[in-house]
Amino acid sequence: MIKELILRNRSYRRFYHSEKIGLNNLREWVDLARNSASGRNAQSLKYLLSTDESFNALIFEQLAWAGYLTEWSGPEEGERPAAYIVMVHDTSISTNYFCDDGIATQSILLGATEAGFGGCIIYSVNRKNLREILDLPGQFEIVQVLALGKPKEEVVLEEMIHGDVKYWRDANQVHHVPKRSLEEIILRQI
């Protein structure tokens, strides 16, 4: 079960815009993050949730979508996310969130995948503009944005060839993601 969820949990960048996600879904997935491990149990990550189309449009404009797909500026109208979760760090609680963002994000995305949705972790964010749009108090630092929706694309995992990590799209718009072999990443077995 967990292996199937992990293999289905890909970075999706195109969605069926007409397939909505409810705030209750977002709350359930953030609750998975809330109940996940946290460094020193500080729990300094907080979340802003949006399913509102006009607010989502403002968030969308602050994001860059796929560094290796240089000719692609992001999803077109009708393929944009139905929801966003903006993850922020509350510096009044802790000066460091360690690896909590990765743990929380994986929990959220596995919950979304289990529910038939998918998402993309976006670190390439115009944080200054998004901070203003969100009207964030000074203690909050934007960590990342999770774009969520019903996936409209196929993502295929492939064996990496010649160390090339760049993902790509074929003529049918299938998204290909090279992965290193298990033998390459296990340094030693004792």
C-alpha atoms as a PDB file:
ATOM      1  CA  MET A   1       0.000   0.000   0.000  1.00  0.00           C
ATOM      2  CA  ILE A   2       2.650   2.592   0.965  1.00  0.00           C
ATOM      3  CA  LYS A   3       4.844   1.671  -2.030  1.00  0.00           C
ATOM      4  CA  GLU A   4       1.872   2.146  -4.382  1.00  0.00           C
ATOM      5  CA  LEU A   5       1.130   5.571  -2.863  1.00  0.00           C
ATOM      6  CA  ILE A   6       4.762   6.652  -3.126  1.00  0.00           C
ATOM      7  CA  LEU A   7       4.990   5.539  -6.767  1.00  0.00           C
ATOM      8  CA  ARG A   8       1.757   7.413  -7.597  1.00  0.00           C
ATOM      9  CA  ASN A   9       2.910  10.527  -5.697  1.00  0.00           C
ATOM     10  CA  ARG A  10       4.688  12.406  -8.486  1.00  0.00           C
ATOM     11  CA  SER A  11       5.280  16.096  -9.183  1.00  0.00           C
ATOM     12  CA  TYR A  12       2.200  16.914 -11.239  1.00  0.00           C
ATOM     13  CA  ARG A  13       2.158  20.294 -12.963  1.00  0.00           C
ATOM     14  CA  ARG A  14      -1.050  20.097 -15.006  1.00  0.00           C
ATOM     15  CA  PHE A  15      -4.479  19.498 -13.516  1.00  0.00           C
ATOM     16  CA  TYR A  16      -8.144  19.197 -14.431  1.00  0.00           C
ATOM     17  CA  HIS A  17      -9.109  22.662 -13.266  1.00  0.00           C
ATOM     18  CA  SER A  18     -12.794  21.750 -13.155  1.00  0.00           C
ATOM     19  CA  GLU A  19     -12.100  19.078 -10.486  1.00  0.00           C
ATOM     20  CA  LYS A  20     -12.357  21.037  -7.250  1.00  0.00           C
ATOM     21  CA  ILE A  21     -10.766  20.305  -3.900  1.00  0.00           C
ATOM     22  CA  GLY A  22     -12.670  21.244  -0.770  1.00  0.00           C
ATOM     23  CA  LEU A  23     -11.210  23.077   2.205  1.00  0.00           C
ATOM     24  CA  ASN A  24     -12.039  19.997   4.277  1.00  0.00           C
ATOM     25  CA  ASN A  25      -9.676  17.956   2.081  1.00  0.00           C
ATOM     26  CA  LEU A  26      -6.890  20.485   2.641  1.00  0.00           C
ATOM     27  CA  ARG A  27      -7.570  20.489   6.382  1.00  0.00           C
ATOM     28  CA  GLU A  28      -7.402  16.661   6.490  1.00  0.00           C
ATOM     29  CA  TRP A  29      -4.075  16.644   4.649  1.00  0.00           C
ATOM     30  CA  VAL A  30      -2.594  19.365   6.861  1.00  0.00           C
ATOM     31  CA  ASP A  31      -3.781  17.332   9.844  1.00  0.00           C
ATOM     32  CA  LEU A  32      -1.611  14.464   8.540  1.00  0.00           C
ATOM     33  CA  ALA A  33       1.342  16.883   8.581  1.00  0.00           C
ATOM     34  CA  ARG A  34       0.383  18.084  12.070  1.00  0.00           C
ATOM     35  CA  ASN A  35       0.506  14.515  13.346  1.00  0.00           C
ATOM     36  CA  SER A  36       3.827  13.711  11.656  1.00  0.00           C
ATOM     37  CA  ALA A  37       7.238  13.878  13.288  1.00  0.00           C
ATOM     38  CA  SER A  38       8.727  17.316  14.014  1.00  0.00           C
ATOM     39  CA  GLY A  39      12.333  18.161  14.961  1.00  0.00           C
ATOM     40  CA  ARG A  40      12.460  18.752  18.743  1.00  0.00           C
ATOM     41  CA  ASN A  41       8.629  18.575  18.462  1.00  0.00           C
ATOM     42  CA  ALA A  42       8.718  22.342  17.912  1.00  0.00           C
ATOM     43  CA  GLN A  43       5.893  22.255  15.337  1.00  0.00           C
ATOM     44  CA  SER A  44       6.809  25.644  13.918  1.00  0.00           C
ATOM     45  CA  LEU A  45       5.274  25.129  10.470  1.00  0.00           C
ATOM     46  CA  LYS A  46       1.927  26.765   9.727  1.00  0.00           C
ATOM     47  CA  TYR A  47      -0.262  26.662   6.644  1.00  0.00           C
ATOM     48  CA  LEU A  48      -2.423  28.987   4.549  1.00  0.00           C
ATOM     49  CA  LEU A  49      -5.088  27.145   2.554  1.00  0.00           C
ATOM     50  CA  SER A  50      -6.739  28.390  -0.626  1.00  0.00           C
ATOM     51  CA  THR A  51      -9.447  26.933  -2.843  1.00  0.00           C
ATOM     52  CA  ASP A  52     -10.715  30.349  -3.974  1.00  0.00           C
ATOM     53  CA  GLU A  53     -10.210  30.808  -7.739  1.00  0.00           C
ATOM     54  CA  SER A  54      -9.407  34.525  -7.631  1.00  0.00           C
ATOM     55  CA  PHE A  55      -6.963  34.103  -4.729  1.00  0.00           C
ATOM     56  CA  ASN A  56      -5.431  31.054  -6.453  1.00  0.00           C
ATOM     57  CA  ALA A  57      -4.811  33.211  -9.532  1.00  0.00           C
ATOM     58  CA  LEU A  58      -2.805  35.645  -7.382  1.00  0.00           C
ATOM     59  CA  ILE A  59      -0.739  32.786  -5.926  1.00  0.00           C
ATOM     60  CA  PHE A  60      -0.199  31.246  -9.376  1.00  0.00           C
ATOM     61  CA  GLU A  61       1.442  34.433 -10.662  1.00  0.00           C
ATOM     62  CA  GLN A  62       4.123  34.166  -7.941  1.00  0.00           C
ATOM     63  CA  LEU A  63       5.303  30.661  -8.924  1.00  0.00           C
ATOM     64  CA  ALA A  64       7.836  29.230 -11.386  1.00  0.00           C
ATOM     65  CA  TRP A  65       6.882  25.766 -12.570  1.00  0.00           C
ATOM     66  CA  ALA A  66       9.584  23.553 -14.121  1.00  0.00           C
ATOM     67  CA  GLY A  67      13.219  24.563 -14.346  1.00  0.00           C
ATOM     68  CA  TYR A  68      14.200  21.877 -16.865  1.00  0.00           C
ATOM     69  CA  LEU A  69      11.264  22.642 -19.180  1.00  0.00           C
ATOM     70  CA  THR A  70      12.667  25.983 -20.317  1.00  0.00           C
ATOM     71  CA  GLU A  71      10.112  26.487 -23.117  1.00  0.00           C
ATOM     72  CA  TRP A  72       7.166  25.959 -20.765  1.00  0.00           C
ATOM     73  CA  SER A  73       5.901  28.793 -18.551  1.00  0.00           C
ATOM     74  CA  GLY A  74       3.533  26.673 -16.488  1.00  0.00           C
ATOM     75  CA  PRO A  75       0.048  25.249 -16.760  1.00  0.00           C
ATOM     76  CA  GLU A  76      -2.374  26.951 -19.121  1.00  0.00           C
ATOM     77  CA  GLU A  77      -5.855  28.141 -18.212  1.00  0.00           C
ATOM     78  CA  GLY A  78      -7.955  25.063 -17.510  1.00  0.00           C
ATOM     79  CA  GLU A  79      -4.890  23.116 -16.302  1.00  0.00           C
ATOM     80  CA  ARG A  80      -4.055  25.159 -13.221  1.00  0.00           C
ATOM     81  CA  PRO A  81      -4.268  23.880  -9.636  1.00  0.00           C
ATOM     82  CA  ALA A  82      -7.598  23.802  -7.847  1.00  0.00           C
ATOM     83  CA  ALA A  83      -5.972  24.547  -4.491  1.00  0.00           C
ATOM     84  CA  TYR A  84      -2.800  25.704  -2.809  1.00  0.00           C
ATOM     85  CA  ILE A  85      -1.220  25.139   0.571  1.00  0.00           C
ATOM     86  CA  VAL A  86       1.356  27.775   1.445  1.00  0.00           C
ATOM     87  CA  MET A  87       3.737  26.446   4.092  1.00  0.00           C
ATOM     88  CA  VAL A  88       5.280  29.056   6.394  1.00  0.00           C
ATOM     89  CA  HIS A  89       7.732  28.896   9.276  1.00  0.00           C
ATOM     90  CA  ASP A  90       6.739  30.682  12.481  1.00  0.00           C
ATOM     91  CA  THR A  91      10.043  32.135  13.704  1.00  0.00           C
ATOM     92  CA  SER A  92       8.456  33.104  17.029  1.00  0.00           C
ATOM     93  CA  ILE A  93       8.378  29.377  17.857  1.00  0.00           C
ATOM     94  CA  SER A  94      11.752  28.283  16.526  1.00  0.00           C
ATOM     95  CA  THR A  95      14.645  29.647  14.486  1.00  0.00           C
ATOM     96  CA  ASN A  96      14.965  26.387  12.535  1.00  0.00           C
ATOM     97  CA  TYR A  97      12.439  23.908  11.160  1.00  0.00           C
ATOM     98  CA  PHE A  98      15.136  21.315  10.360  1.00  0.00           C
ATOM     99  CA  CYS A  99      13.630  18.672   8.017  1.00  0.00           C
ATOM    100  CA  ASP A 100      10.033  19.239   9.123  1.00  0.00           C
ATOM    101  CA  ASP A 101       9.080  20.708   5.740  1.00  0.00           C
ATOM    102  CA  GLY A 102       9.992  17.491   3.922  1.00  0.00           C
ATOM    103  CA  ILE A 103       8.186  15.294   6.424  1.00  0.00           C
ATOM    104  CA  ALA A 104       5.079  17.492   6.392  1.00  0.00           C
ATOM    105  CA  THR A 105       5.031  17.811   2.613  1.00  0.00           C
ATOM    106  CA  GLN A 106       5.320  14.061   2.077  1.00  0.00           C
ATOM    107  CA  SER A 107       2.470  13.494   4.520  1.00  0.00           C
ATOM    108  CA  ILE A 108       0.255  16.053   2.764  1.00  0.00           C
ATOM    109  CA  LEU A 109       1.011  14.722  -0.713  1.00  0.00           C
ATOM    110  CA  LEU A 110       0.467  11.093   0.288  1.00  0.00           C
ATOM    111  CA  GLY A 111      -2.918  12.099   1.703  1.00  0.00           C
ATOM    112  CA  ALA A 112      -3.759  13.919  -1.531  1.00  0.00           C
ATOM    113  CA  THR A 113      -2.610  10.938  -3.612  1.00  0.00           C
ATOM    114  CA  GLU A 114      -4.681   8.524  -1.545  1.00  0.00           C
ATOM    115  CA  ALA A 115      -7.736  10.742  -2.199  1.00  0.00           C
ATOM    116  CA  GLY A 116      -7.136  10.675  -5.986  1.00  0.00           C
ATOM    117  CA  PHE A 117      -5.434  14.049  -6.249  1.00  0.00           C
ATOM    118  CA  GLY A 118      -1.823  15.081  -6.745  1.00  0.00           C
ATOM    119  CA  GLY A 119       0.460  18.015  -6.340  1.00  0.00           C
ATOM    120  CA  CYS A 120       3.727  19.756  -6.949  1.00  0.00           C
ATOM    121  CA  ILE A 121       6.139  21.176  -4.387  1.00  0.00           C
ATOM    122  CA  ILE A 122       7.203  24.634  -5.513  1.00  0.00           C
ATOM    123  CA  TYR A 123      10.217  26.339  -3.932  1.00  0.00           C
ATOM    124  CA  SER A 124      10.677  28.783  -6.790  1.00  0.00           C
ATOM    125  CA  VAL A 125       8.373  31.442  -5.370  1.00  0.00           C
ATOM    126  CA  ASN A 126       8.416  35.226  -5.499  1.00  0.00           C
ATOM    127  CA  ARG A 127       8.347  35.334  -1.699  1.00  0.00           C
ATOM    128  CA  LYS A 128       8.274  39.120  -1.433  1.00  0.00           C
ATOM    129  CA  ASN A 129       5.150  39.474  -3.569  1.00  0.00           C
ATOM    130  CA  LEU A 130       3.434  36.427  -2.066  1.00  0.00           C
ATOM    131  CA  ARG A 131       4.121  37.748   1.436  1.00  0.00           C
ATOM    132  CA  GLU A 132       2.315  40.984   0.496  1.00  0.00           C
ATOM    133  CA  ILE A 133      -0.604  39.121  -1.103  1.00  0.00           C
ATOM    134  CA  LEU A 134      -0.979  36.957   2.003  1.00  0.00           C
ATOM    135  CA  ASP A 135      -0.479  39.956   4.309  1.00  0.00           C
ATOM    136  CA  LEU A 136       1.869  37.884   6.476  1.00  0.00           C
ATOM    137  CA  PRO A 137       3.083  39.255   9.807  1.00  0.00           C
ATOM    138  CA  GLY A 138       6.872  39.541  10.090  1.00  0.00           C
ATOM    139  CA  GLN A 139       7.373  36.401  12.162  1.00  0.00           C
ATOM    140  CA  PHE A 140       6.334  34.161   9.242  1.00  0.00           C
ATOM    141  CA  GLU A 141       8.743  33.064   6.497  1.00  0.00           C
ATOM    142  CA  ILE A 142       7.393  31.389   3.366  1.00  0.00           C
ATOM    143  CA  VAL A 143       8.949  27.932   3.017  1.00  0.00           C
ATOM    144  CA  GLN A 144       7.187  26.577  -0.078  1.00  0.00           C
ATOM    145  CA  VAL A 145       3.899  26.310  -1.932  1.00  0.00           C
ATOM    146  CA  LEU A 146       2.067  23.079  -2.661  1.00  0.00           C
ATOM    147  CA  ALA A 147      -0.027  23.221  -5.835  1.00  0.00           C
ATOM    148  CA  LEU A 148      -2.827  20.646  -5.733  1.00  0.00           C
ATOM    149  CA  GLY A 149      -5.433  19.246  -8.077  1.00  0.00           C
ATOM    150  CA  LYS A 150      -6.634  16.257 -10.064  1.00  0.00           C
ATOM    151  CA  PRO A 151      -3.615  15.282 -12.229  1.00  0.00           C
ATOM    152  CA  LYS A 152      -4.070  15.801 -15.958  1.00  0.00           C
ATOM    153  CA  GLU A 153      -0.758  14.327 -16.991  1.00  0.00           C
ATOM    154  CA  GLU A 154       1.014  11.011 -16.973  1.00  0.00           C
ATOM    155  CA  VAL A 155       4.345  10.844 -15.167  1.00  0.00           C
ATOM    156  CA  VAL A 156       6.657   7.926 -15.925  1.00  0.00           C
ATOM    157  CA  LEU A 157       9.707   6.912 -13.889  1.00  0.00           C
ATOM    158  CA  GLU A 158      12.719   5.688 -15.878  1.00  0.00           C
ATOM    159  CA  GLU A 159      16.203   4.415 -15.184  1.00  0.00           C
ATOM    160  CA  MET A 160      18.702   7.268 -15.322  1.00  0.00           C
ATOM    161  CA  ILE A 161      21.098   7.154 -18.267  1.00  0.00           C
ATOM    162  CA  HIS A 162      24.603   8.650 -18.082  1.00  0.00           C
ATOM    163  CA  GLY A 163      23.815  10.551 -14.856  1.00  0.00           C
ATOM    164  CA  ASP A 164      21.305  12.870 -16.561  1.00  0.00           C
ATOM    165  CA  VAL A 165      18.775  13.970 -13.908  1.00  0.00           C
ATOM    166  CA  LYS A 166      16.724  16.249 -16.192  1.00  0.00           C
ATOM    167  CA  TYR A 167      13.051  15.389 -16.507  1.00  0.00           C
ATOM    168  CA  TRP A 168      11.442  15.904 -19.905  1.00  0.00           C
ATOM    169  CA  ARG A 169       8.218  15.612 -21.898  1.00  0.00           C
ATOM    170  CA  ASP A 170       7.777  13.539 -25.028  1.00  0.00           C
ATOM    171  CA  ALA A 171       5.668  14.422 -28.098  1.00  0.00           C
ATOM    172  CA  ASN A 172       2.548  13.080 -26.317  1.00  0.00           C
ATOM    173  CA  GLN A 173       3.224  15.339 -23.297  1.00  0.00           C
ATOM    174  CA  VAL A 174       4.087  12.353 -21.081  1.00  0.00           C
ATOM    175  CA  HIS A 175       6.396  13.596 -18.324  1.00  0.00           C
ATOM    176  CA  HIS A 176       9.523  11.398 -17.925  1.00  0.00           C
ATOM    177  CA  VAL A 177      11.516  11.424 -14.685  1.00  0.00           C
ATOM    178  CA  PRO A 178      14.900   9.631 -14.557  1.00  0.00           C
ATOM    179  CA  LYS A 179      15.776   7.859 -11.299  1.00  0.00           C
ATOM    180  CA  ARG A 180      19.134   6.556 -10.152  1.00  0.00           C
ATOM    181  CA  SER A 181      19.300   2.787  -9.709  1.00  0.00           C
ATOM    182  CA  LEU A 182      19.088   1.221  -6.259  1.00  0.00           C
ATOM    183  CA  GLU A 183      22.610  -0.148  -6.777  1.00  0.00           C
ATOM    184  CA  GLU A 184      23.930   3.385  -7.338  1.00  0.00           C
ATOM    185  CA  ILE A 185      22.420   4.881  -4.191  1.00  0.00           C
ATOM    186  CA  ILE A 186      23.316   2.063  -1.760  1.00  0.00           C
ATOM    187  CA  LEU A 187      26.945   2.743  -0.914  1.00  0.00           C
ATOM    188  CA  ARG A 188      27.549  -0.365   1.141  1.00  0.00           C
ATOM    189  CA  GLN A 189      25.736  -3.414   2.464  1.00  0.00           C
ATOM    190  CA  ILE A 190      27.200  -4.867   5.650  1.00  0.00           C
END
